[in-house]
Protein backbone atom coordinates (compact mmCIF):
# COMPACT_ATOMS: atom_id res chain seq x y z
CA UNK A 1 0.00 0.00 0.00
CA UNK A 2 2.89 2.37 0.77
CA UNK A 3 4.27 1.73 -2.70
CA UNK A 4 0.93 2.66 -4.28
CA UNK A 5 0.90 5.93 -2.32
CA UNK A 6 4.47 6.66 -3.44
CA UNK A 7 3.54 5.98 -7.05
CA UNK A 8 0.45 8.18 -6.79
CA UNK A 9 2.43 11.01 -5.15
CA UNK A 10 5.13 10.74 -7.79
CA UNK A 11 2.53 10.86 -10.56
CA UNK A 12 0.78 13.83 -8.94
CA UNK A 13 4.11 15.67 -8.57
CA UNK A 14 4.91 15.05 -12.22
CA UNK A 15 1.44 16.28 -13.22
CA UNK A 16 1.96 19.46 -11.19
CA UNK A 17 5.32 20.05 -12.86
CA UNK A 18 3.79 19.52 -16.32
CA UNK A 19 0.94 21.93 -15.57
CA UNK A 20 3.45 24.56 -14.39
CA UNK A 21 5.48 24.11 -17.58
CA UNK A 22 2.33 24.39 -19.67
CA UNK A 23 1.30 27.60 -17.93
CA UNK A 24 4.77 29.10 -18.37
CA UNK A 25 4.74 28.26 -22.07
CA UNK A 26 1.27 29.76 -22.46
CA UNK A 27 2.55 32.96 -20.85
CA UNK A 28 5.53 33.02 -23.20
CA UNK A 29 3.29 32.53 -26.21
CA UNK A 30 1.06 35.41 -25.14
CA UNK A 31 4.09 37.71 -24.77
CA UNK A 32 5.37 36.66 -28.19
CA UNK A 33 1.97 37.29 -29.76
CA UNK A 34 2.01 40.78 -28.28
CA UNK A 35 5.48 41.35 -29.72
CA UNK A 36 4.37 40.04 -33.10
CA UNK A 37 1.40 42.40 -33.16
CA UNK A 38 3.66 45.32 -32.27
CA UNK A 39 6.15 44.36 -34.98
CA UNK A 40 3.37 43.91 -37.55
CA UNK A 41 2.18 47.42 -36.74
CA UNK A 42 5.66 48.82 -37.23
CA UNK A 43 6.03 46.84 -40.46
CA UNK A 44 2.82 48.39 -41.79
CA UNK A 45 4.12 51.86 -40.90
CA UNK A 46 7.37 51.24 -42.74
CA UNK A 47 5.53 49.88 -45.78
CA UNK A 48 3.40 53.04 -45.85
CA UNK A 49 6.53 55.18 -45.68
CA UNK A 50 8.06 53.21 -48.55
CA UNK A 51 5.01 53.84 -50.72
CA UNK A 52 5.11 57.55 -49.85
CA UNK A 53 8.81 57.73 -50.67
CA UNK A 54 8.23 55.97 -54.00
CA UNK A 55 5.58 58.56 -54.84
CA UNK A 56 7.95 61.38 -53.88
CA UNK A 57 10.74 59.93 -56.04
CA UNK A 58 8.33 59.51 -58.96
CA UNK A 59 7.22 63.14 -58.60
CA UNK A 60 10.86 64.28 -58.64
CA UNK A 61 11.47 62.20 -61.79
CA UNK A 62 8.40 63.78 -63.43
CA UNK A 63 9.67 67.27 -62.60
CA UNK A 64 13.09 66.47 -64.04
CA UNK A 65 11.52 65.12 -67.23
CA UNK A 66 9.53 68.35 -67.70
CA UNK A 67 12.65 70.49 -67.33
C-alpha atoms as a PDB file:
ATOM      1  CA  UNK A   1       0.000   0.000   0.000  1.00  0.00           C
ATOM      2  CA  UNK A   2       2.887   2.373   0.772  1.00  0.00           C
ATOM      3  CA  UNK A   3       4.272   1.733  -2.698  1.00  0.00           C
ATOM      4  CA  UNK A   4       0.929   2.663  -4.277  1.00  0.00           C
ATOM      5  CA  UNK A   5       0.900   5.931  -2.317  1.00  0.00           C
ATOM      6  CA  UNK A   6       4.466   6.658  -3.437  1.00  0.00           C
ATOM      7  CA  UNK A   7       3.540   5.985  -7.054  1.00  0.00           C
ATOM      8  CA  UNK A   8       0.452   8.178  -6.792  1.00  0.00           C
ATOM      9  CA  UNK A   9       2.430  11.007  -5.153  1.00  0.00           C
ATOM     10  CA  UNK A  10       5.130  10.736  -7.792  1.00  0.00           C
ATOM     11  CA  UNK A  11       2.528  10.861 -10.564  1.00  0.00           C
ATOM     12  CA  UNK A  12       0.783  13.833  -8.938  1.00  0.00           C
ATOM     13  CA  UNK A  13       4.107  15.669  -8.571  1.00  0.00           C
ATOM     14  CA  UNK A  14       4.912  15.054 -12.221  1.00  0.00           C
ATOM     15  CA  UNK A  15       1.437  16.278 -13.216  1.00  0.00           C
ATOM     16  CA  UNK A  16       1.956  19.461 -11.191  1.00  0.00           C
ATOM     17  CA  UNK A  17       5.316  20.048 -12.865  1.00  0.00           C
ATOM     18  CA  UNK A  18       3.791  19.521 -16.316  1.00  0.00           C
ATOM     19  CA  UNK A  19       0.943  21.934 -15.570  1.00  0.00           C
ATOM     20  CA  UNK A  20       3.450  24.559 -14.394  1.00  0.00           C
ATOM     21  CA  UNK A  21       5.480  24.112 -17.585  1.00  0.00           C
ATOM     22  CA  UNK A  22       2.333  24.387 -19.675  1.00  0.00           C
ATOM     23  CA  UNK A  23       1.297  27.601 -17.933  1.00  0.00           C
ATOM     24  CA  UNK A  24       4.772  29.104 -18.367  1.00  0.00           C
ATOM     25  CA  UNK A  25       4.741  28.256 -22.074  1.00  0.00           C
ATOM     26  CA  UNK A  26       1.273  29.764 -22.462  1.00  0.00           C
ATOM     27  CA  UNK A  27       2.548  32.964 -20.854  1.00  0.00           C
ATOM     28  CA  UNK A  28       5.532  33.017 -23.196  1.00  0.00           C
ATOM     29  CA  UNK A  29       3.291  32.535 -26.212  1.00  0.00           C
ATOM     30  CA  UNK A  30       1.060  35.406 -25.142  1.00  0.00           C
ATOM     31  CA  UNK A  31       4.090  37.708 -24.765  1.00  0.00           C
ATOM     32  CA  UNK A  32       5.367  36.662 -28.185  1.00  0.00           C
ATOM     33  CA  UNK A  33       1.974  37.285 -29.757  1.00  0.00           C
ATOM     34  CA  UNK A  34       2.013  40.781 -28.285  1.00  0.00           C
ATOM     35  CA  UNK A  35       5.483  41.351 -29.724  1.00  0.00           C
ATOM     36  CA  UNK A  36       4.372  40.041 -33.105  1.00  0.00           C
ATOM     37  CA  UNK A  37       1.398  42.405 -33.160  1.00  0.00           C
ATOM     38  CA  UNK A  38       3.660  45.318 -32.275  1.00  0.00           C
ATOM     39  CA  UNK A  39       6.149  44.356 -34.982  1.00  0.00           C
ATOM     40  CA  UNK A  40       3.368  43.911 -37.548  1.00  0.00           C
ATOM     41  CA  UNK A  41       2.177  47.423 -36.736  1.00  0.00           C
ATOM     42  CA  UNK A  42       5.658  48.825 -37.231  1.00  0.00           C
ATOM     43  CA  UNK A  43       6.026  46.843 -40.460  1.00  0.00           C
ATOM     44  CA  UNK A  44       2.816  48.387 -41.791  1.00  0.00           C
ATOM     45  CA  UNK A  45       4.120  51.863 -40.903  1.00  0.00           C
ATOM     46  CA  UNK A  46       7.375  51.238 -42.741  1.00  0.00           C
ATOM     47  CA  UNK A  47       5.530  49.879 -45.776  1.00  0.00           C
ATOM     48  CA  UNK A  48       3.401  53.036 -45.849  1.00  0.00           C
ATOM     49  CA  UNK A  49       6.532  55.185 -45.679  1.00  0.00           C
ATOM     50  CA  UNK A  50       8.064  53.214 -48.549  1.00  0.00           C
ATOM     51  CA  UNK A  51       5.006  53.844 -50.724  1.00  0.00           C
ATOM     52  CA  UNK A  52       5.107  57.550 -49.851  1.00  0.00           C
ATOM     53  CA  UNK A  53       8.808  57.729 -50.672  1.00  0.00           C
ATOM     54  CA  UNK A  54       8.227  55.974 -54.005  1.00  0.00           C
ATOM     55  CA  UNK A  55       5.584  58.560 -54.841  1.00  0.00           C
ATOM     56  CA  UNK A  56       7.945  61.378 -53.880  1.00  0.00           C
ATOM     57  CA  UNK A  57      10.740  59.929 -56.042  1.00  0.00           C
ATOM     58  CA  UNK A  58       8.331  59.509 -58.955  1.00  0.00           C
ATOM     59  CA  UNK A  59       7.225  63.135 -58.597  1.00  0.00           C
ATOM     60  CA  UNK A  60      10.857  64.280 -58.641  1.00  0.00           C
ATOM     61  CA  UNK A  61      11.470  62.201 -61.792  1.00  0.00           C
ATOM     62  CA  UNK A  62       8.395  63.783 -63.433  1.00  0.00           C
ATOM     63  CA  UNK A  63       9.668  67.268 -62.603  1.00  0.00           C
ATOM     64  CA  UNK A  64      13.092  66.466 -64.040  1.00  0.00           C
ATOM     65  CA  UNK A  65      11.519  65.123 -67.233  1.00  0.00           C
ATOM     66  CA  UNK A  66       9.527  68.350 -67.703  1.00  0.00           C
ATOM     67  CA  UNK A  67      12.649  70.485 -67.330  1.00  0.00           C
END
